[in-house]
Amino acid sequence: IYDGLWYELAFLYHAGKPRMMLNPMRRIIETFIIFTGIDEFYAKNQDIKRLLNVNSHGNVVFDVDTTSIGCDDLINMMKSLFKNNNYEAHFNKKWKHWKKHCNG
């Protein structure tokens, strides 16, 4: 399931669908947190946590604008989360593999 989420993220990235990338990003991170047991994964990035949770749990949020955020912006935000938790190598490995795999 975890690799499937990375595949979905890369597929949406290549399709140019940044708003659709938010859910697989959130699910990747949630799965990663469960696996690693990191309690404060978002400690330095509360704004990113809020962005990833926009409209994902049944609460409709109107004060977060996702229209100006591009695919590369989202990937860079996600990378910063992993980097801030000393897992940048994990992010780089997964992203490089799936980005290449989905690009042909």
PDB file of N, CA and C in Angstrom:
ATOM      1  N   ILE A   1       0.826  -1.194   0.000  1.00  0.00           N
ATOM      2  CA  ILE A   1       0.000   0.000   0.000  1.00  0.00           C
ATOM      3  C   ILE A   1       0.866   1.252   0.000  1.00  0.00           C
ATOM      4  N   TYR A   2       1.934   1.242   0.770  1.00  0.00           N
ATOM      5  CA  TYR A   2       2.810   2.418   0.878  1.00  0.00           C
ATOM      6  C   TYR A   2       3.401   2.783  -0.487  1.00  0.00           C
ATOM      7  N   ASP A   3       3.944   1.796  -1.185  1.00  0.00           N
ATOM      8  CA  ASP A   3       4.498   2.079  -2.515  1.00  0.00           C
ATOM      9  C   ASP A   3       3.405   2.509  -3.486  1.00  0.00           C
ATOM     10  N   GLY A   4       2.215   1.970  -3.317  1.00  0.00           N
ATOM     11  CA  GLY A   4       1.098   2.386  -4.159  1.00  0.00           C
ATOM     12  C   GLY A   4       0.759   3.857  -3.989  1.00  0.00           C
ATOM     13  N   LEU A   5       0.894   4.354  -2.777  1.00  0.00           N
ATOM     14  CA  LEU A   5       0.661   5.773  -2.524  1.00  0.00           C
ATOM     15  C   LEU A   5       1.718   6.633  -3.210  1.00  0.00           C
ATOM     16  N   TRP A   6       2.963   6.176  -3.175  1.00  0.00           N
ATOM     17  CA  TRP A   6       4.036   6.900  -3.875  1.00  0.00           C
ATOM     18  C   TRP A   6       3.781   6.891  -5.385  1.00  0.00           C
ATOM     19  N   TYR A   7       3.324   5.748  -5.898  1.00  0.00           N
ATOM     20  CA  TYR A   7       2.987   5.657  -7.321  1.00  0.00           C
ATOM     21  C   TYR A   7       1.881   6.654  -7.665  1.00  0.00           C
ATOM     22  N   GLU A   8       0.826   6.677  -6.851  1.00  0.00           N
ATOM     23  CA  GLU A   8      -0.286   7.600  -7.080  1.00  0.00           C
ATOM     24  C   GLU A   8       0.201   9.048  -7.062  1.00  0.00           C
ATOM     25  N   LEU A   9       1.053   9.374  -6.113  1.00  0.00           N
ATOM     26  CA  LEU A   9       1.595  10.724  -6.018  1.00  0.00           C
ATOM     27  C   LEU A   9       2.367  11.091  -7.277  1.00  0.00           C
ATOM     28  N   ALA A  10       3.236  10.205  -7.737  1.00  0.00           N
ATOM     29  CA  ALA A  10       4.024  10.472  -8.946  1.00  0.00           C
ATOM     30  C   ALA A  10       3.127  10.572 -10.178  1.00  0.00           C
ATOM     31  N   PHE A  11       2.113   9.722 -10.255  1.00  0.00           N
ATOM     32  CA  PHE A  11       1.180   9.757 -11.375  1.00  0.00           C
ATOM     33  C   PHE A  11       0.471  11.115 -11.436  1.00  0.00           C
ATOM     34  N   LEU A  12      -0.025  11.580 -10.293  1.00  0.00           N
ATOM     35  CA  LEU A  12      -0.709  12.869 -10.239  1.00  0.00           C
ATOM     36  C   LEU A  12       0.250  14.018 -10.513  1.00  0.00           C
ATOM     37  N   TYR A  13       1.482  13.887 -10.069  1.00  0.00           N
ATOM     38  CA  TYR A  13       2.515  14.891 -10.343  1.00  0.00           C
ATOM     39  C   TYR A  13       2.704  15.029 -11.855  1.00  0.00           C
ATOM     40  N   HIS A  14       2.890  13.901 -12.526  1.00  0.00           N
ATOM     41  CA  HIS A  14       3.099  13.936 -13.980  1.00  0.00           C
ATOM     42  C   HIS A  14       1.857  14.380 -14.735  1.00  0.00           C
ATOM     43  N   ALA A  15       0.688  14.164 -14.156  1.00  0.00           N
ATOM     44  CA  ALA A  15      -0.566  14.595 -14.783  1.00  0.00           C
ATOM     45  C   ALA A  15      -0.846  16.076 -14.522  1.00  0.00           C
ATOM     46  N   GLY A  16      -0.024  16.704 -13.672  1.00  0.00           N
ATOM     47  CA  GLY A  16      -0.204  18.120 -13.363  1.00  0.00           C
ATOM     48  C   GLY A  16      -1.436  18.396 -12.522  1.00  0.00           C
ATOM     49  N   LYS A  17      -1.683  17.560 -11.518  1.00  0.00           N
ATOM     50  CA  LYS A  17      -2.865  17.678 -10.659  1.00  0.00           C
ATOM     51  C   LYS A  17      -2.474  17.966  -9.206  1.00  0.00           C
ATOM     52  N   PRO A  18      -1.994  19.169  -8.918  1.00  0.00           N
ATOM     53  CA  PRO A  18      -1.499  19.444  -7.560  1.00  0.00           C
ATOM     54  C   PRO A  18      -2.542  19.276  -6.459  1.00  0.00           C
ATOM     55  N   ARG A  19      -3.767  19.710  -6.677  1.00  0.00           N
ATOM     56  CA  ARG A  19      -4.767  19.578  -5.613  1.00  0.00           C
ATOM     57  C   ARG A  19      -5.080  18.116  -5.317  1.00  0.00           C
ATOM     58  N   MET A  20      -4.984  17.265  -6.318  1.00  0.00           N
ATOM     59  CA  MET A  20      -5.239  15.845  -6.112  1.00  0.00           C
ATOM     60  C   MET A  20      -4.064  15.154  -5.426  1.00  0.00           C
ATOM     61  N   MET A  21      -2.897  15.795  -5.425  1.00  0.00           N
ATOM     62  CA  MET A  21      -1.710  15.233  -4.777  1.00  0.00           C
ATOM     63  C   MET A  21      -1.795  15.297  -3.257  1.00  0.00           C
ATOM     64  N   LEU A  22      -2.611  16.183  -2.715  1.00  0.00           N
ATOM     65  CA  LEU A  22      -2.653  16.394  -1.267  1.00  0.00           C
ATOM     66  C   LEU A  22      -3.033  15.132  -0.501  1.00  0.00           C
ATOM     67  N   ASN A  23      -4.034  14.404  -0.972  1.00  0.00           N
ATOM     68  CA  ASN A  23      -4.480  13.217  -0.237  1.00  0.00           C
ATOM     69  C   ASN A  23      -3.417  12.122  -0.203  1.00  0.00           C
ATOM     70  N   PRO A  24      -2.810  11.731  -1.338  1.00  0.00           N
ATOM     71  CA  PRO A  24      -1.761  10.712  -1.219  1.00  0.00           C
ATOM     72  C   PRO A  24      -0.556  11.189  -0.406  1.00  0.00           C
ATOM     73  N   MET A  25      -0.242  12.476  -0.457  1.00  0.00           N
ATOM     74  CA  MET A  25       0.852  12.992   0.372  1.00  0.00           C
ATOM     75  C   MET A  25       0.530  12.791   1.842  1.00  0.00           C
ATOM     76  N   ARG A  26      -0.683  13.158   2.236  1.00  0.00           N
ATOM     77  CA  ARG A  26      -1.096  13.013   3.630  1.00  0.00           C
ATOM     78  C   ARG A  26      -1.075  11.541   4.049  1.00  0.00           C
ATOM     79  N   ARG A  27      -1.556  10.663   3.185  1.00  0.00           N
ATOM     80  CA  ARG A  27      -1.601   9.239   3.510  1.00  0.00           C
ATOM     81  C   ARG A  27      -0.204   8.628   3.578  1.00  0.00           C
ATOM     82  N   ILE A  28       0.716   9.069   2.717  1.00  0.00           N
ATOM     83  CA  ILE A  28       2.109   8.607   2.789  1.00  0.00           C
ATOM     84  C   ILE A  28       2.692   8.988   4.146  1.00  0.00           C
ATOM     85  N   ILE A  29       2.496  10.233   4.525  1.00  0.00           N
ATOM     86  CA  ILE A  29       3.060  10.720   5.780  1.00  0.00           C
ATOM     87  C   ILE A  29       2.421  10.021   6.983  1.00  0.00           C
ATOM     88  N   GLU A  30       1.106   9.844   6.952  1.00  0.00           N
ATOM     89  CA  GLU A  30       0.443   9.135   8.050  1.00  0.00           C
ATOM     90  C   GLU A  30       0.989   7.716   8.190  1.00  0.00           C
ATOM     91  N   THR A  31       1.168   7.030   7.083  1.00  0.00           N
ATOM     92  CA  THR A  31       1.708   5.668   7.102  1.00  0.00           C
ATOM     93  C   THR A  31       3.134   5.669   7.625  1.00  0.00           C
ATOM     94  N   PHE A  32       3.926   6.631   7.178  1.00  0.00           N
ATOM     95  CA  PHE A  32       5.313   6.751   7.608  1.00  0.00           C
ATOM     96  C   PHE A  32       5.392   7.007   9.114  1.00  0.00           C
ATOM     97  N   ILE A  33       4.521   7.867   9.617  1.00  0.00           N
ATOM     98  CA  ILE A  33       4.498   8.168  11.050  1.00  0.00           C
ATOM     99  C   ILE A  33       4.169   6.915  11.855  1.00  0.00           C
ATOM    100  N   ILE A  34       3.207   6.148  11.391  1.00  0.00           N
ATOM    101  CA  ILE A  34       2.841   4.907  12.092  1.00  0.00           C
ATOM    102  C   ILE A  34       4.023   3.942  12.099  1.00  0.00           C
ATOM    103  N   PHE A  35       4.685   3.813  10.965  1.00  0.00           N
ATOM    104  CA  PHE A  35       5.803   2.881  10.843  1.00  0.00           C
ATOM    105  C   PHE A  35       6.993   3.292  11.710  1.00  0.00           C
ATOM    106  N   THR A  36       7.309   4.587  11.727  1.00  0.00           N
ATOM    107  CA  THR A  36       8.497   5.056  12.447  1.00  0.00           C
ATOM    108  C   THR A  36       8.212   5.425  13.899  1.00  0.00           C
ATOM    109  N   GLY A  37       6.970   5.732  14.212  1.00  0.00           N
ATOM    110  CA  GLY A  37       6.624   6.138  15.572  1.00  0.00           C
ATOM    111  C   GLY A  37       7.003   7.568  15.898  1.00  0.00           C
ATOM    112  N   ILE A  38       7.269   8.383  14.901  1.00  0.00           N
ATOM    113  CA  ILE A  38       7.606   9.786  15.134  1.00  0.00           C
ATOM    114  C   ILE A  38       6.334  10.541  15.522  1.00  0.00           C
ATOM    115  N   ASP A  39       6.302  11.064  16.738  1.00  0.00           N
ATOM    116  CA  ASP A  39       5.114  11.760  17.220  1.00  0.00           C
ATOM    117  C   ASP A  39       4.990  13.184  16.673  1.00  0.00           C
ATOM    118  N   GLU A  40       6.088  13.832  16.515  1.00  0.00           N
ATOM    119  CA  GLU A  40       6.076  15.253  16.138  1.00  0.00           C
ATOM    120  C   GLU A  40       6.598  15.479  14.716  1.00  0.00           C
ATOM    121  N   PHE A  41       6.142  14.692  13.783  1.00  0.00           N
ATOM    122  CA  PHE A  41       6.626  14.779  12.408  1.00  0.00           C
ATOM    123  C   PHE A  41       6.429  16.179  11.827  1.00  0.00           C
ATOM    124  N   TYR A  42       5.321  16.833  12.187  1.00  0.00           N
ATOM    125  CA  TYR A  42       5.000  18.161  11.659  1.00  0.00           C
ATOM    126  C   TYR A  42       5.479  19.298  12.564  1.00  0.00           C
ATOM    127  N   ALA A  43       6.280  19.019  13.572  1.00  0.00           N
ATOM    128  CA  ALA A  43       6.646  20.017  14.583  1.00  0.00           C
ATOM    129  C   ALA A  43       7.113  21.342  13.984  1.00  0.00           C
ATOM    130  N   LYS A  44       7.918  21.290  12.950  1.00  0.00           N
ATOM    131  CA  LYS A  44       8.453  22.512  12.331  1.00  0.00           C
ATOM    132  C   LYS A  44       7.640  22.957  11.126  1.00  0.00           C
ATOM    133  N   ASN A  45       6.549  22.259  10.828  1.00  0.00           N
ATOM    134  CA  ASN A  45       5.810  22.511   9.591  1.00  0.00           C
ATOM    135  C   ASN A  45       4.300  22.416   9.798  1.00  0.00           C
ATOM    136  N   GLN A  46       3.758  23.130  10.752  1.00  0.00           N
ATOM    137  CA  GLN A  46       2.319  23.078  11.014  1.00  0.00           C
ATOM    138  C   GLN A  46       1.495  23.581   9.825  1.00  0.00           C
ATOM    139  N   ASP A  47       2.022  24.532   9.066  1.00  0.00           N
ATOM    140  CA  ASP A  47       1.300  25.038   7.897  1.00  0.00           C
ATOM    141  C   ASP A  47       1.124  23.947   6.844  1.00  0.00           C
ATOM    142  N   ILE A  48       2.138  23.115   6.676  1.00  0.00           N
ATOM    143  CA  ILE A  48       2.044  22.018   5.715  1.00  0.00           C
ATOM    144  C   ILE A  48       1.016  21.003   6.206  1.00  0.00           C
ATOM    145  N   LYS A  49       1.002  20.724   7.488  1.00  0.00           N
ATOM    146  CA  LYS A  49       0.022  19.788   8.043  1.00  0.00           C
ATOM    147  C   LYS A  49      -1.388  20.295   7.770  1.00  0.00           C
ATOM    148  N   ARG A  50      -1.601  21.551   7.992  1.00  0.00           N
ATOM    149  CA  ARG A  50      -2.927  22.137   7.749  1.00  0.00           C
ATOM    150  C   ARG A  50      -3.298  22.032   6.277  1.00  0.00           C
ATOM    151  N   LEU A  51      -2.364  22.317   5.407  1.00  0.00           N
ATOM    152  CA  LEU A  51      -2.610  22.221   3.968  1.00  0.00           C
ATOM    153  C   LEU A  51      -2.983  20.793   3.570  1.00  0.00           C
ATOM    154  N   LEU A  52      -2.239  19.817   4.081  1.00  0.00           N
ATOM    155  CA  LEU A  52      -2.503  18.423   3.726  1.00  0.00           C
ATOM    156  C   LEU A  52      -3.831  17.919   4.281  1.00  0.00           C
ATOM    157  N   ASN A  53      -4.301  18.522   5.341  1.00  0.00           N
ATOM    158  CA  ASN A  53      -5.566  18.101   5.932  1.00  0.00           C
ATOM    159  C   ASN A  53      -6.776  18.849   5.393  1.00  0.00           C
ATOM    160  N   VAL A  54      -6.564  19.801   4.492  1.00  0.00           N
ATOM    161  CA  VAL A  54      -7.680  20.566   3.932  1.00  0.00           C
ATOM    162  C   VAL A  54      -8.681  19.618   3.288  1.00  0.00           C
ATOM    163  N   ASN A  55      -9.888  19.694   3.769  1.00  0.00           N
ATOM    164  CA  ASN A  55     -11.030  18.953   3.224  1.00  0.00           C
ATOM    165  C   ASN A  55     -10.820  17.438   3.183  1.00  0.00           C
ATOM    166  N   SER A  56      -9.924  16.906   3.993  1.00  0.00           N
ATOM    167  CA  SER A  56      -9.639  15.478   3.923  1.00  0.00           C
ATOM    168  C   SER A  56     -10.354  14.654   4.995  1.00  0.00           C
ATOM    169  N   HIS A  57     -10.886  15.288   5.993  1.00  0.00           N
ATOM    170  CA  HIS A  57     -11.512  14.545   7.083  1.00  0.00           C
ATOM    171  C   HIS A  57     -12.963  14.974   7.294  1.00  0.00           C
ATOM    172  N   GLY A  58     -13.617  15.382   6.233  1.00  0.00           N
ATOM    173  CA  GLY A  58     -15.021  15.753   6.331  1.00  0.00           C
ATOM    174  C   GLY A  58     -15.262  17.194   6.729  1.00  0.00           C
ATOM    175  N   ASN A  59     -14.226  17.898   7.140  1.00  0.00           N
ATOM    176  CA  ASN A  59     -14.365  19.306   7.481  1.00  0.00           C
ATOM    177  C   ASN A  59     -14.011  20.145   6.264  1.00  0.00           C
ATOM    178  N   VAL A  60     -14.964  20.909   5.782  1.00  0.00           N
ATOM    179  CA  VAL A  60     -14.701  21.751   4.626  1.00  0.00           C
ATOM    180  C   VAL A  60     -14.034  23.035   5.110  1.00  0.00           C
ATOM    181  N   VAL A  61     -12.864  23.306   4.565  1.00  0.00           N
ATOM    182  CA  VAL A  61     -12.080  24.477   4.955  1.00  0.00           C
ATOM    183  C   VAL A  61     -12.046  25.443   3.776  1.00  0.00           C
ATOM    184  N   PHE A  62     -12.416  26.691   4.033  1.00  0.00           N
ATOM    185  CA  PHE A  62     -12.474  27.677   2.968  1.00  0.00           C
ATOM    186  C   PHE A  62     -11.347  28.696   3.016  1.00  0.00           C
ATOM    187  N   ASP A  63     -10.579  28.725   4.092  1.00  0.00           N
ATOM    188  CA  ASP A  63      -9.575  29.781   4.233  1.00  0.00           C
ATOM    189  C   ASP A  63      -8.162  29.354   3.828  1.00  0.00           C
ATOM    190  N   VAL A  64      -8.024  28.197   3.203  1.00  0.00           N
ATOM    191  CA  VAL A  64      -6.726  27.762   2.710  1.00  0.00           C
ATOM    192  C   VAL A  64      -6.805  27.710   1.192  1.00  0.00           C
ATOM    193  N   ASP A  65      -5.985  28.521   0.532  1.00  0.00           N
ATOM    194  CA  ASP A  65      -5.991  28.596  -0.923  1.00  0.00           C
ATOM    195  C   ASP A  65      -4.976  27.618  -1.490  1.00  0.00           C
ATOM    196  N   THR A  66      -5.462  26.612  -2.196  1.00  0.00           N
ATOM    197  CA  THR A  66      -4.571  25.630  -2.806  1.00  0.00           C
ATOM    198  C   THR A  66      -4.384  25.881  -4.295  1.00  0.00           C
ATOM    199  N   THR A  67      -5.047  26.883  -4.838  1.00  0.00           N
ATOM    200  CA  THR A  67      -5.003  27.099  -6.284  1.00  0.00           C
ATOM    201  C   THR A  67      -3.664  27.630  -6.778  1.00  0.00           C
ATOM    202  N   SER A  68      -2.917  28.278  -5.928  1.00  0.00           N
ATOM    203  CA  SER A  68      -1.647  28.863  -6.380  1.00  0.00           C
ATOM    204  C   SER A  68      -0.442  27.968  -6.103  1.00  0.00           C
ATOM    205  N   ILE A  69      -0.685  26.779  -5.580  1.00  0.00           N
ATOM    206  CA  ILE A  69       0.405  25.861  -5.249  1.00  0.00           C
ATOM    207  C   ILE A  69       0.553  24.838  -6.372  1.00  0.00           C
ATOM    208  N   GLY A  70       1.758  24.748  -6.917  1.00  0.00           N
ATOM    209  CA  GLY A  70       2.020  23.825  -8.013  1.00  0.00           C
ATOM    210  C   GLY A  70       2.563  22.487  -7.532  1.00  0.00           C
ATOM    211  N   CYS A  71       2.682  21.579  -8.464  1.00  0.00           N
ATOM    212  CA  CYS A  71       3.162  20.229  -8.159  1.00  0.00           C
ATOM    213  C   CYS A  71       4.557  20.253  -7.531  1.00  0.00           C
ATOM    214  N   ASP A  72       5.467  21.030  -8.106  1.00  0.00           N
ATOM    215  CA  ASP A  72       6.827  21.105  -7.560  1.00  0.00           C
ATOM    216  C   ASP A  72       6.835  21.716  -6.165  1.00  0.00           C
ATOM    217  N   ASP A  73       5.965  22.710  -5.940  1.00  0.00           N
ATOM    218  CA  ASP A  73       5.860  23.311  -4.605  1.00  0.00           C
ATOM    219  C   ASP A  73       5.482  22.253  -3.569  1.00  0.00           C
ATOM    220  N   LEU A  74       4.508  21.423  -3.920  1.00  0.00           N
ATOM    221  CA  LEU A  74       4.055  20.391  -2.986  1.00  0.00           C
ATOM    222  C   LEU A  74       5.148  19.363  -2.703  1.00  0.00           C
ATOM    223  N   ILE A  75       5.847  18.940  -3.747  1.00  0.00           N
ATOM    224  CA  ILE A  75       6.919  17.966  -3.547  1.00  0.00           C
ATOM    225  C   ILE A  75       8.012  18.564  -2.670  1.00  0.00           C
ATOM    226  N   ASN A  76       8.341  19.828  -2.888  1.00  0.00           N
ATOM    227  CA  ASN A  76       9.355  20.485  -2.058  1.00  0.00           C
ATOM    228  C   ASN A  76       8.907  20.603  -0.603  1.00  0.00           C
ATOM    229  N   MET A  77       7.618  20.854  -0.384  1.00  0.00           N
ATOM    230  CA  MET A  77       7.095  20.908   0.984  1.00  0.00           C
ATOM    231  C   MET A  77       7.210  19.536   1.652  1.00  0.00           C
ATOM    232  N   MET A  78       6.826  18.516   0.900  1.00  0.00           N
ATOM    233  CA  MET A  78       6.891  17.166   1.454  1.00  0.00           C
ATOM    234  C   MET A  78       8.333  16.775   1.764  1.00  0.00           C
ATOM    235  N   LYS A  79       9.227  17.117   0.856  1.00  0.00           N
ATOM    236  CA  LYS A  79      10.645  16.820   1.074  1.00  0.00           C
ATOM    237  C   LYS A  79      11.146  17.514   2.340  1.00  0.00           C
ATOM    238  N   SER A  80      10.709  18.750   2.568  1.00  0.00           N
ATOM    239  CA  SER A  80      11.160  19.476   3.763  1.00  0.00           C
ATOM    240  C   SER A  80      10.699  18.781   5.040  1.00  0.00           C
ATOM    241  N   LEU A  81       9.506  18.183   5.020  1.00  0.00           N
ATOM    242  CA  LEU A  81       9.044  17.429   6.188  1.00  0.00           C
ATOM    243  C   LEU A  81       9.974  16.265   6.495  1.00  0.00           C
ATOM    244  N   PHE A  82      10.303  15.499   5.457  1.00  0.00           N
ATOM    245  CA  PHE A  82      11.194  14.359   5.662  1.00  0.00           C
ATOM    246  C   PHE A  82      12.591  14.828   6.074  1.00  0.00           C
ATOM    247  N   LYS A  83      13.060  15.899   5.471  1.00  0.00           N
ATOM    248  CA  LYS A  83      14.382  16.436   5.804  1.00  0.00           C
ATOM    249  C   LYS A  83      14.431  16.902   7.261  1.00  0.00           C
ATOM    250  N   ASN A  84      13.391  17.597   7.707  1.00  0.00           N
ATOM    251  CA  ASN A  84      13.350  18.096   9.085  1.00  0.00           C
ATOM    252  C   ASN A  84      13.291  16.974  10.115  1.00  0.00           C
ATOM    253  N   ASN A  85      12.955  15.775   9.670  1.00  0.00           N
ATOM    254  CA  ASN A  85      12.888  14.619  10.571  1.00  0.00           C
ATOM    255  C   ASN A  85      14.023  13.625  10.316  1.00  0.00           C
ATOM    256  N   ASN A  86      15.033  14.071   9.577  1.00  0.00           N
ATOM    257  CA  ASN A  86      16.222  13.266   9.283  1.00  0.00           C
ATOM    258  C   ASN A  86      15.924  12.023   8.435  1.00  0.00           C
ATOM    259  N   TYR A  87      14.933  12.147   7.553  1.00  0.00           N
ATOM    260  CA  TYR A  87      14.593  11.062   6.634  1.00  0.00           C
ATOM    261  C   TYR A  87      14.610  11.532   5.180  1.00  0.00           C
ATOM    262  N   GLU A  88      15.459  12.509   4.892  1.00  0.00           N
ATOM    263  CA  GLU A  88      15.547  13.024   3.527  1.00  0.00           C
ATOM    264  C   GLU A  88      15.981  11.930   2.551  1.00  0.00           C
ATOM    265  N   ALA A  89      16.883  11.052   2.960  1.00  0.00           N
ATOM    266  CA  ALA A  89      17.346   9.970   2.085  1.00  0.00           C
ATOM    267  C   ALA A  89      16.187   9.044   1.717  1.00  0.00           C
ATOM    268  N   HIS A  90      15.311   8.778   2.673  1.00  0.00           N
ATOM    269  CA  HIS A  90      14.139   7.939   2.391  1.00  0.00           C
ATOM    270  C   HIS A  90      13.253   8.619   1.352  1.00  0.00           C
ATOM    271  N   PHE A  91      12.971   9.908   1.558  1.00  0.00           N
ATOM    272  CA  PHE A  91      12.156  10.648   0.597  1.00  0.00           C
ATOM    273  C   PHE A  91      12.797  10.613  -0.788  1.00  0.00           C
ATOM    274  N   ASN A  92      14.082  10.932  -0.853  1.00  0.00           N
ATOM    275  CA  ASN A  92      14.772  10.983  -2.145  1.00  0.00           C
ATOM    276  C   ASN A  92      14.718   9.644  -2.868  1.00  0.00           C
ATOM    277  N   LYS A  93      14.924   8.569  -2.141  1.00  0.00           N
ATOM    278  CA  LYS A  93      14.895   7.231  -2.744  1.00  0.00           C
ATOM    279  C   LYS A  93      13.514   6.927  -3.309  1.00  0.00           C
ATOM    280  N   LYS A  94      12.473   7.133  -2.514  1.00  0.00           N
ATOM    281  CA  LYS A  94      11.107   6.841  -2.952  1.00  0.00           C
ATOM    282  C   LYS A  94      10.691   7.743  -4.107  1.00  0.00           C
ATOM    283  N   TRP A  95      10.946   9.034  -3.979  1.00  0.00           N
ATOM    284  CA  TRP A  95      10.508   9.975  -5.008  1.00  0.00           C
ATOM    285  C   TRP A  95      11.246   9.727  -6.321  1.00  0.00           C
ATOM    286  N   LYS A  96      12.540   9.519  -6.256  1.00  0.00           N
ATOM    287  CA  LYS A  96      13.317   9.270  -7.473  1.00  0.00           C
ATOM    288  C   LYS A  96      12.797   8.029  -8.194  1.00  0.00           C
ATOM    289  N   HIS A  97      12.562   6.947  -7.439  1.00  0.00           N
ATOM    290  CA  HIS A  97      12.079   5.710  -8.038  1.00  0.00           C
ATOM    291  C   HIS A  97      10.719   5.893  -8.697  1.00  0.00           C
ATOM    292  N   TRP A  98       9.753   6.424  -7.955  1.00  0.00           N
ATOM    293  CA  TRP A  98       8.388   6.490  -8.481  1.00  0.00           C
ATOM    294  C   TRP A  98       8.232   7.577  -9.509  1.00  0.00           C
ATOM    295  N   LYS A  99       8.959   8.669  -9.385  1.00  0.00           N
ATOM    296  CA  LYS A  99       8.866   9.731 -10.405  1.00  0.00           C
ATOM    297  C   LYS A  99       9.371   9.183 -11.737  1.00  0.00           C
ATOM    298  N   LYS A 100      10.466   8.439 -11.689  1.00  0.00           N
ATOM    299  CA  LYS A 100      11.018   7.829 -12.899  1.00  0.00           C
ATOM    300  C   LYS A 100      10.072   6.757 -13.438  1.00  0.00           C
ATOM    301  N   HIS A 101       9.547   5.921 -12.546  1.00  0.00           N
ATOM    302  CA  HIS A 101       8.676   4.817 -12.938  1.00  0.00           C
ATOM    303  C   HIS A 101       7.408   5.325 -13.636  1.00  0.00           C
ATOM    304  N   CYS A 102       6.859   6.402 -13.153  1.00  0.00           N
ATOM    305  CA  CYS A 102       5.605   6.935 -13.719  1.00  0.00           C
ATOM    306  C   CYS A 102       5.861   7.794 -14.948  1.00  0.00           C
ATOM    307  N   ASN A 103       7.080   8.157 -15.186  1.00  0.00           N
ATOM    308  CA  ASN A 103       7.405   9.003 -16.342  1.00  0.00           C
ATOM    309  C   ASN A 103       7.783   8.174 -17.555  1.00  0.00           C
ATOM    310  N   GLY A 104       7.908   6.885 -17.352  1.00  0.00           N
ATOM    311  CA  GLY A 104       8.233   6.023 -18.476  1.00  0.00           C
ATOM    312  C   GLY A 104       9.689   5.807 -18.549  1.00  0.00           C
TER     313      GLY A 104
END
